[in-house]
Amino acid sequence: MTKRREPLTYEATLTEVAAVIGWDTCGAICGVSGRAVRLWSDHDCETEIRMIDAERLDRAFIERGGGYAPFHRLMALRLDIAAQDGLGQSLSEIAMGAAKEAGEAVAALIKAGSQPDSPAARREAKKEVQEAIETLTEGLATIERAENTGGTHQ
């Protein structure tokens, strides 16, 4: 039976990396056995991945065609979530804002793609994408706060 790994955890990210490069390869990169790496991906186990090993695995993931650094992305997102001020908006309000911002981001990306020589279109697309990411991150932070306080946000 496969164990559930919660989203936005190092265990889930490690499992994602191992799916691309393999458990044994992960172990070889980190100087441990594949079994040890599997234990790092188990939230019930007391051992965890070290920062240097996460960096090594990010590099290996990129070298094998991954378009991003999974552990770096996870850490940045978790820190962004922690930095949210918690204005107390409901998830419904955040969802409405996220839908608006995501739509504007998609439209700006399409425009930038159709006008590849336009710095203004690229700048606008960057701005809109950043606003969408910030709104979605606020949604994640609201969910995290609700889980950590035992509360619910509708």
N, C-alpha and C. Protein backbone atom coordinates (compact mmCIF):
# COMPACT_ATOMS: atom_id res chain seq x y z
N MET A 1 0.84 -1.18 0.00
CA MET A 1 0.00 0.00 0.00
C MET A 1 0.89 1.24 0.00
N THR A 2 0.52 2.20 -0.81
CA THR A 2 1.27 3.44 -0.90
C THR A 2 0.80 4.39 0.19
N LYS A 3 1.76 4.97 0.91
CA LYS A 3 1.43 5.93 1.96
C LYS A 3 1.10 7.28 1.34
N ARG A 4 0.14 7.94 1.91
CA ARG A 4 -0.22 9.27 1.45
C ARG A 4 0.83 10.28 1.94
N ARG A 5 1.27 11.11 1.05
CA ARG A 5 2.17 12.20 1.41
C ARG A 5 1.41 13.50 1.22
N GLU A 6 1.35 14.27 2.28
CA GLU A 6 0.59 15.51 2.24
C GLU A 6 1.26 16.50 1.28
N PRO A 7 0.45 17.30 0.57
CA PRO A 7 1.01 18.33 -0.31
C PRO A 7 1.84 19.32 0.50
N LEU A 8 2.76 19.95 -0.16
CA LEU A 8 3.62 20.99 0.43
C LEU A 8 4.49 20.46 1.55
N THR A 9 4.92 19.19 1.42
CA THR A 9 5.84 18.62 2.41
C THR A 9 7.10 18.15 1.71
N TYR A 10 8.15 18.03 2.49
CA TYR A 10 9.41 17.52 1.95
C TYR A 10 9.27 16.06 1.53
N GLU A 11 8.43 15.32 2.25
CA GLU A 11 8.22 13.92 1.90
C GLU A 11 7.58 13.78 0.52
N ALA A 12 6.57 14.60 0.25
CA ALA A 12 5.91 14.55 -1.06
C ALA A 12 6.85 15.01 -2.17
N THR A 13 7.65 16.02 -1.88
CA THR A 13 8.59 16.51 -2.88
C THR A 13 9.65 15.47 -3.18
N LEU A 14 10.15 14.79 -2.16
CA LEU A 14 11.13 13.74 -2.37
C LEU A 14 10.55 12.61 -3.21
N THR A 15 9.31 12.27 -2.97
CA THR A 15 8.65 11.23 -3.75
C THR A 15 8.53 11.65 -5.21
N GLU A 16 8.24 12.92 -5.44
CA GLU A 16 8.16 13.47 -6.80
C GLU A 16 9.51 13.37 -7.51
N VAL A 17 10.57 13.72 -6.81
CA VAL A 17 11.92 13.65 -7.39
C VAL A 17 12.28 12.20 -7.70
N ALA A 18 12.02 11.31 -6.73
CA ALA A 18 12.37 9.90 -6.92
C ALA A 18 11.60 9.28 -8.08
N ALA A 19 10.40 9.75 -8.34
CA ALA A 19 9.62 9.23 -9.47
C ALA A 19 10.32 9.53 -10.80
N VAL A 20 11.10 10.60 -10.82
CA VAL A 20 11.81 10.98 -12.05
C VAL A 20 13.18 10.32 -12.13
N ILE A 21 13.93 10.32 -11.03
CA ILE A 21 15.31 9.83 -11.11
C ILE A 21 15.55 8.49 -10.43
N GLY A 22 14.58 8.01 -9.66
CA GLY A 22 14.70 6.70 -9.02
C GLY A 22 15.23 6.79 -7.60
N TRP A 23 14.72 5.90 -6.75
CA TRP A 23 15.13 5.88 -5.34
C TRP A 23 16.62 5.57 -5.18
N ASP A 24 17.10 4.57 -5.91
CA ASP A 24 18.51 4.19 -5.78
C ASP A 24 19.43 5.30 -6.27
N THR A 25 19.04 5.98 -7.34
CA THR A 25 19.85 7.10 -7.83
C THR A 25 19.85 8.23 -6.82
N CYS A 26 18.69 8.49 -6.21
CA CYS A 26 18.63 9.51 -5.15
C CYS A 26 19.61 9.16 -4.03
N GLY A 27 19.59 7.89 -3.65
CA GLY A 27 20.49 7.45 -2.58
C GLY A 27 21.95 7.62 -2.97
N ALA A 28 22.29 7.24 -4.21
CA ALA A 28 23.68 7.38 -4.66
C ALA A 28 24.10 8.84 -4.66
N ILE A 29 23.23 9.72 -5.08
CA ILE A 29 23.54 11.16 -5.10
C ILE A 29 23.79 11.68 -3.69
N CYS A 30 23.03 11.17 -2.73
CA CYS A 30 23.12 11.65 -1.35
C CYS A 30 24.10 10.85 -0.49
N GLY A 31 24.67 9.78 -1.05
CA GLY A 31 25.63 8.97 -0.30
C GLY A 31 24.99 8.04 0.70
N VAL A 32 23.74 7.66 0.45
CA VAL A 32 23.04 6.72 1.32
C VAL A 32 22.35 5.67 0.44
N SER A 33 21.71 4.72 1.04
CA SER A 33 21.00 3.70 0.27
C SER A 33 19.66 4.24 -0.23
N GLY A 34 19.13 3.58 -1.24
CA GLY A 34 17.79 3.91 -1.71
C GLY A 34 16.76 3.74 -0.61
N ARG A 35 16.97 2.75 0.23
CA ARG A 35 16.07 2.50 1.37
C ARG A 35 16.08 3.69 2.34
N ALA A 36 17.26 4.25 2.57
CA ALA A 36 17.36 5.41 3.47
C ALA A 36 16.57 6.59 2.90
N VAL A 37 16.65 6.77 1.59
CA VAL A 37 15.90 7.86 0.96
C VAL A 37 14.41 7.61 1.09
N ARG A 38 13.99 6.36 0.92
CA ARG A 38 12.57 6.03 1.09
C ARG A 38 12.11 6.37 2.51
N LEU A 39 12.97 6.12 3.48
CA LEU A 39 12.63 6.46 4.87
C LEU A 39 12.49 7.97 5.04
N TRP A 40 13.32 8.75 4.34
CA TRP A 40 13.18 10.21 4.40
C TRP A 40 11.82 10.65 3.89
N SER A 41 11.24 9.88 2.98
CA SER A 41 9.95 10.26 2.40
C SER A 41 8.77 9.80 3.24
N ASP A 42 9.02 9.18 4.36
CA ASP A 42 7.97 8.67 5.23
C ASP A 42 7.80 9.61 6.42
N HIS A 43 6.66 10.26 6.51
CA HIS A 43 6.45 11.22 7.59
C HIS A 43 6.42 10.57 8.98
N ASP A 44 6.22 9.27 9.03
CA ASP A 44 6.24 8.57 10.32
C ASP A 44 7.65 8.21 10.79
N CYS A 45 8.62 8.40 9.93
CA CYS A 45 10.01 8.07 10.25
C CYS A 45 10.68 9.30 10.86
N GLU A 46 11.61 9.09 11.75
CA GLU A 46 12.25 10.21 12.42
C GLU A 46 13.42 10.81 11.64
N THR A 47 13.85 10.18 10.58
CA THR A 47 14.93 10.75 9.79
C THR A 47 14.34 11.63 8.69
N GLU A 48 15.08 12.68 8.35
CA GLU A 48 14.62 13.62 7.34
C GLU A 48 15.77 13.95 6.39
N ILE A 49 15.40 14.45 5.23
CA ILE A 49 16.40 14.85 4.25
C ILE A 49 17.16 16.07 4.76
N ARG A 50 18.46 16.09 4.49
CA ARG A 50 19.29 17.24 4.87
C ARG A 50 19.23 18.28 3.75
N MET A 51 19.47 19.52 4.10
CA MET A 51 19.43 20.61 3.11
C MET A 51 20.39 20.35 1.95
N ILE A 52 21.60 19.93 2.23
CA ILE A 52 22.58 19.70 1.18
C ILE A 52 22.11 18.60 0.23
N ASP A 53 21.43 17.60 0.77
CA ASP A 53 20.91 16.53 -0.08
C ASP A 53 19.73 17.02 -0.92
N ALA A 54 18.90 17.87 -0.36
CA ALA A 54 17.80 18.45 -1.14
C ALA A 54 18.36 19.25 -2.31
N GLU A 55 19.42 20.01 -2.06
CA GLU A 55 20.05 20.77 -3.15
C GLU A 55 20.62 19.82 -4.21
N ARG A 56 21.28 18.78 -3.77
CA ARG A 56 21.84 17.81 -4.72
C ARG A 56 20.74 17.19 -5.58
N LEU A 57 19.64 16.85 -4.94
CA LEU A 57 18.54 16.23 -5.69
C LEU A 57 17.87 17.24 -6.62
N ASP A 58 17.78 18.49 -6.21
CA ASP A 58 17.27 19.53 -7.12
C ASP A 58 18.13 19.61 -8.37
N ARG A 59 19.44 19.61 -8.18
CA ARG A 59 20.36 19.67 -9.34
C ARG A 59 20.18 18.46 -10.24
N ALA A 60 20.08 17.29 -9.64
CA ALA A 60 19.92 16.06 -10.43
C ALA A 60 18.59 16.07 -11.17
N PHE A 61 17.56 16.54 -10.54
CA PHE A 61 16.24 16.63 -11.17
C PHE A 61 16.30 17.54 -12.39
N ILE A 62 16.95 18.69 -12.25
CA ILE A 62 17.10 19.62 -13.36
C ILE A 62 17.92 19.00 -14.48
N GLU A 63 19.03 18.35 -14.12
CA GLU A 63 19.89 17.71 -15.12
C GLU A 63 19.15 16.63 -15.91
N ARG A 64 18.15 16.03 -15.31
CA ARG A 64 17.38 14.97 -15.98
C ARG A 64 16.13 15.51 -16.66
N GLY A 65 16.11 16.82 -16.89
CA GLY A 65 15.04 17.41 -17.67
C GLY A 65 13.95 18.13 -16.90
N GLY A 66 14.03 18.10 -15.58
CA GLY A 66 13.04 18.84 -14.80
C GLY A 66 13.19 20.33 -15.05
N GLY A 67 12.11 21.03 -15.15
CA GLY A 67 12.16 22.45 -15.48
C GLY A 67 12.26 23.37 -14.28
N TYR A 68 12.47 22.82 -13.11
CA TYR A 68 12.54 23.62 -11.88
C TYR A 68 13.26 22.81 -10.81
N ALA A 69 13.52 23.44 -9.69
CA ALA A 69 14.16 22.79 -8.54
C ALA A 69 13.07 22.51 -7.51
N PRO A 70 12.62 21.26 -7.38
CA PRO A 70 11.45 20.95 -6.53
C PRO A 70 11.60 21.36 -5.06
N PHE A 71 12.73 21.09 -4.45
CA PHE A 71 12.89 21.44 -3.04
C PHE A 71 13.00 22.95 -2.86
N HIS A 72 13.69 23.60 -3.76
CA HIS A 72 13.80 25.06 -3.70
C HIS A 72 12.42 25.70 -3.83
N ARG A 73 11.63 25.20 -4.78
CA ARG A 73 10.28 25.72 -4.99
C ARG A 73 9.43 25.49 -3.74
N LEU A 74 9.52 24.30 -3.16
CA LEU A 74 8.75 24.00 -1.96
C LEU A 74 9.12 24.93 -0.82
N MET A 75 10.41 25.09 -0.59
CA MET A 75 10.84 25.93 0.52
C MET A 75 10.40 27.38 0.32
N ALA A 76 10.55 27.88 -0.89
CA ALA A 76 10.14 29.26 -1.17
C ALA A 76 8.64 29.43 -0.94
N LEU A 77 7.86 28.47 -1.39
CA LEU A 77 6.41 28.55 -1.22
C LEU A 77 6.03 28.48 0.25
N ARG A 78 6.67 27.58 0.99
CA ARG A 78 6.35 27.46 2.42
C ARG A 78 6.71 28.74 3.17
N LEU A 79 7.81 29.37 2.79
CA LEU A 79 8.18 30.64 3.43
C LEU A 79 7.22 31.75 3.04
N ASP A 80 6.78 31.76 1.77
CA ASP A 80 5.79 32.74 1.34
C ASP A 80 4.49 32.57 2.12
N ILE A 81 4.08 31.32 2.33
CA ILE A 81 2.87 31.05 3.09
C ILE A 81 3.03 31.56 4.52
N ALA A 82 4.18 31.31 5.12
CA ALA A 82 4.42 31.75 6.50
C ALA A 82 4.41 33.27 6.61
N ALA A 83 4.78 33.95 5.53
CA ALA A 83 4.86 35.41 5.56
C ALA A 83 3.51 36.09 5.33
N GLN A 84 2.50 35.34 4.94
CA GLN A 84 1.18 35.94 4.72
C GLN A 84 0.67 36.53 6.02
N ASP A 85 0.07 37.70 5.93
CA ASP A 85 -0.35 38.40 7.14
C ASP A 85 -1.66 37.90 7.73
N GLY A 86 -2.38 37.08 7.02
CA GLY A 86 -3.60 36.51 7.58
C GLY A 86 -4.70 37.53 7.79
N LEU A 87 -5.09 38.21 6.75
CA LEU A 87 -6.12 39.23 6.86
C LEU A 87 -7.49 38.67 7.22
N GLY A 88 -7.62 37.36 7.18
CA GLY A 88 -8.87 36.77 7.59
C GLY A 88 -9.90 36.65 6.49
N GLN A 89 -9.50 36.77 5.25
CA GLN A 89 -10.46 36.57 4.16
C GLN A 89 -10.89 35.11 4.13
N SER A 90 -12.12 34.90 3.71
CA SER A 90 -12.61 33.54 3.58
C SER A 90 -12.03 32.91 2.33
N LEU A 91 -12.05 31.59 2.29
CA LEU A 91 -11.58 30.89 1.09
C LEU A 91 -12.42 31.25 -0.12
N SER A 92 -13.69 31.50 0.08
CA SER A 92 -14.55 31.89 -1.04
C SER A 92 -14.10 33.22 -1.63
N GLU A 93 -13.79 34.17 -0.77
CA GLU A 93 -13.32 35.47 -1.25
C GLU A 93 -11.98 35.34 -1.97
N ILE A 94 -11.10 34.53 -1.40
CA ILE A 94 -9.79 34.31 -2.02
C ILE A 94 -9.97 33.61 -3.36
N ALA A 95 -10.87 32.64 -3.43
CA ALA A 95 -11.11 31.91 -4.68
C ALA A 95 -11.61 32.85 -5.77
N MET A 96 -12.48 33.76 -5.41
CA MET A 96 -12.96 34.74 -6.40
C MET A 96 -11.80 35.61 -6.90
N GLY A 97 -10.98 36.06 -6.00
CA GLY A 97 -9.82 36.86 -6.40
C GLY A 97 -8.84 36.07 -7.23
N ALA A 98 -8.65 34.80 -6.86
CA ALA A 98 -7.71 33.95 -7.60
C ALA A 98 -8.21 33.70 -9.02
N ALA A 99 -9.51 33.50 -9.17
CA ALA A 99 -10.08 33.29 -10.51
C ALA A 99 -9.87 34.52 -11.37
N LYS A 100 -10.11 35.68 -10.80
CA LYS A 100 -9.91 36.93 -11.54
C LYS A 100 -8.44 37.09 -11.93
N GLU A 101 -7.56 36.93 -10.96
CA GLU A 101 -6.13 37.12 -11.22
C GLU A 101 -5.59 36.08 -12.20
N ALA A 102 -6.02 34.84 -12.06
CA ALA A 102 -5.56 33.79 -12.97
C ALA A 102 -6.03 34.08 -14.39
N GLY A 103 -7.27 34.53 -14.54
CA GLY A 103 -7.77 34.88 -15.87
C GLY A 103 -6.98 36.00 -16.50
N GLU A 104 -6.68 37.03 -15.71
CA GLU A 104 -5.88 38.15 -16.21
C GLU A 104 -4.47 37.68 -16.58
N ALA A 105 -3.92 36.76 -15.77
CA ALA A 105 -2.57 36.25 -16.07
C ALA A 105 -2.57 35.47 -17.37
N VAL A 106 -3.56 34.62 -17.57
CA VAL A 106 -3.63 33.83 -18.80
C VAL A 106 -3.77 34.75 -20.01
N ALA A 107 -4.64 35.74 -19.91
CA ALA A 107 -4.82 36.69 -21.01
C ALA A 107 -3.52 37.43 -21.32
N ALA A 108 -2.82 37.85 -20.29
CA ALA A 108 -1.55 38.57 -20.50
C ALA A 108 -0.48 37.66 -21.10
N LEU A 109 -0.46 36.39 -20.69
CA LEU A 109 0.49 35.44 -21.26
C LEU A 109 0.21 35.22 -22.75
N ILE A 110 -1.07 35.09 -23.10
CA ILE A 110 -1.43 34.92 -24.50
C ILE A 110 -1.00 36.14 -25.31
N LYS A 111 -1.26 37.32 -24.76
CA LYS A 111 -0.87 38.56 -25.44
C LYS A 111 0.66 38.63 -25.62
N ALA A 112 1.40 38.27 -24.56
CA ALA A 112 2.87 38.30 -24.66
C ALA A 112 3.36 37.29 -25.68
N GLY A 113 2.69 36.14 -25.77
CA GLY A 113 3.08 35.13 -26.75
C GLY A 113 2.80 35.56 -28.17
N SER A 114 1.74 36.35 -28.34
CA SER A 114 1.40 36.80 -29.69
C SER A 114 2.17 38.05 -30.09
N GLN A 115 2.84 38.67 -29.11
CA GLN A 115 3.65 39.87 -29.37
C GLN A 115 5.05 39.65 -28.79
N PRO A 116 5.80 38.69 -29.35
CA PRO A 116 7.09 38.33 -28.74
C PRO A 116 8.13 39.45 -28.70
N ASP A 117 7.95 40.47 -29.52
CA ASP A 117 8.91 41.58 -29.54
C ASP A 117 8.45 42.76 -28.68
N SER A 118 7.45 42.55 -27.85
CA SER A 118 6.90 43.64 -27.05
C SER A 118 7.33 43.54 -25.59
N PRO A 119 8.29 44.37 -25.18
CA PRO A 119 8.69 44.37 -23.76
C PRO A 119 7.52 44.74 -22.85
N ALA A 120 6.63 45.61 -23.31
CA ALA A 120 5.49 46.02 -22.49
C ALA A 120 4.56 44.83 -22.24
N ALA A 121 4.32 44.01 -23.26
CA ALA A 121 3.46 42.84 -23.11
C ALA A 121 4.08 41.83 -22.15
N ARG A 122 5.40 41.63 -22.26
CA ARG A 122 6.09 40.70 -21.35
C ARG A 122 6.05 41.21 -19.91
N ARG A 123 6.25 42.51 -19.75
CA ARG A 123 6.22 43.12 -18.41
C ARG A 123 4.83 42.96 -17.80
N GLU A 124 3.79 43.20 -18.59
CA GLU A 124 2.42 43.06 -18.11
C GLU A 124 2.13 41.60 -17.73
N ALA A 125 2.61 40.67 -18.55
CA ALA A 125 2.40 39.25 -18.24
C ALA A 125 3.08 38.87 -16.93
N LYS A 126 4.30 39.34 -16.73
CA LYS A 126 5.00 39.06 -15.46
C LYS A 126 4.21 39.59 -14.28
N LYS A 127 3.72 40.82 -14.41
CA LYS A 127 2.96 41.44 -13.33
C LYS A 127 1.69 40.64 -13.02
N GLU A 128 0.96 40.26 -14.05
CA GLU A 128 -0.29 39.52 -13.85
C GLU A 128 -0.04 38.13 -13.27
N VAL A 129 0.99 37.46 -13.74
CA VAL A 129 1.32 36.13 -13.21
C VAL A 129 1.71 36.25 -11.74
N GLN A 130 2.51 37.25 -11.40
CA GLN A 130 2.90 37.43 -10.01
C GLN A 130 1.68 37.68 -9.12
N GLU A 131 0.74 38.49 -9.60
CA GLU A 131 -0.46 38.76 -8.81
C GLU A 131 -1.28 37.48 -8.62
N ALA A 132 -1.36 36.65 -9.65
CA ALA A 132 -2.10 35.38 -9.53
C ALA A 132 -1.42 34.46 -8.52
N ILE A 133 -0.10 34.38 -8.60
CA ILE A 133 0.64 33.53 -7.66
C ILE A 133 0.43 34.01 -6.23
N GLU A 134 0.49 35.32 -6.02
CA GLU A 134 0.30 35.87 -4.68
C GLU A 134 -1.08 35.54 -4.13
N THR A 135 -2.10 35.63 -4.98
CA THR A 135 -3.47 35.33 -4.54
C THR A 135 -3.61 33.84 -4.21
N LEU A 136 -3.06 32.99 -5.05
CA LEU A 136 -3.12 31.56 -4.78
C LEU A 136 -2.33 31.19 -3.53
N THR A 137 -1.20 31.85 -3.32
CA THR A 137 -0.41 31.61 -2.11
C THR A 137 -1.20 32.03 -0.87
N GLU A 138 -1.94 33.11 -0.99
CA GLU A 138 -2.80 33.54 0.12
C GLU A 138 -3.83 32.46 0.43
N GLY A 139 -4.34 31.82 -0.61
CA GLY A 139 -5.28 30.72 -0.41
C GLY A 139 -4.64 29.56 0.33
N LEU A 140 -3.42 29.20 -0.08
CA LEU A 140 -2.70 28.13 0.61
C LEU A 140 -2.46 28.50 2.07
N ALA A 141 -2.08 29.75 2.31
CA ALA A 141 -1.82 30.19 3.68
C ALA A 141 -3.09 30.12 4.53
N THR A 142 -4.22 30.45 3.95
CA THR A 142 -5.48 30.39 4.68
C THR A 142 -5.82 28.95 5.04
N ILE A 143 -5.60 28.04 4.11
CA ILE A 143 -5.83 26.62 4.39
C ILE A 143 -4.89 26.14 5.49
N GLU A 144 -3.61 26.51 5.39
CA GLU A 144 -2.63 26.11 6.41
C GLU A 144 -3.03 26.65 7.78
N ARG A 145 -3.44 27.92 7.85
CA ARG A 145 -3.84 28.50 9.13
C ARG A 145 -5.03 27.74 9.71
N ALA A 146 -6.00 27.41 8.86
CA ALA A 146 -7.18 26.68 9.33
C ALA A 146 -6.79 25.31 9.87
N GLU A 147 -5.87 24.63 9.18
CA GLU A 147 -5.43 23.31 9.65
C GLU A 147 -4.67 23.42 10.96
N ASN A 148 -3.86 24.45 11.09
CA ASN A 148 -3.03 24.60 12.29
C ASN A 148 -3.81 25.08 13.51
N THR A 149 -4.94 25.75 13.27
CA THR A 149 -5.72 26.25 14.39
C THR A 149 -6.97 25.44 14.63
N GLY A 150 -7.20 24.46 13.75
CA GLY A 150 -8.39 23.62 13.89
C GLY A 150 -9.64 24.31 13.41
N GLY A 151 -9.47 25.50 12.82
CA GLY A 151 -10.62 26.25 12.32
C GLY A 151 -10.94 25.92 10.88
N THR A 152 -12.01 26.47 10.43
CA THR A 152 -12.39 26.31 9.02
C THR A 152 -12.65 27.67 8.42
N HIS A 153 -12.38 27.78 7.14
CA HIS A 153 -12.69 29.00 6.40
C HIS A 153 -13.53 28.60 5.21
N GLN A 154 -14.66 29.22 5.08
CA GLN A 154 -15.53 28.90 3.96
C GLN A 154 -15.27 29.86 2.90
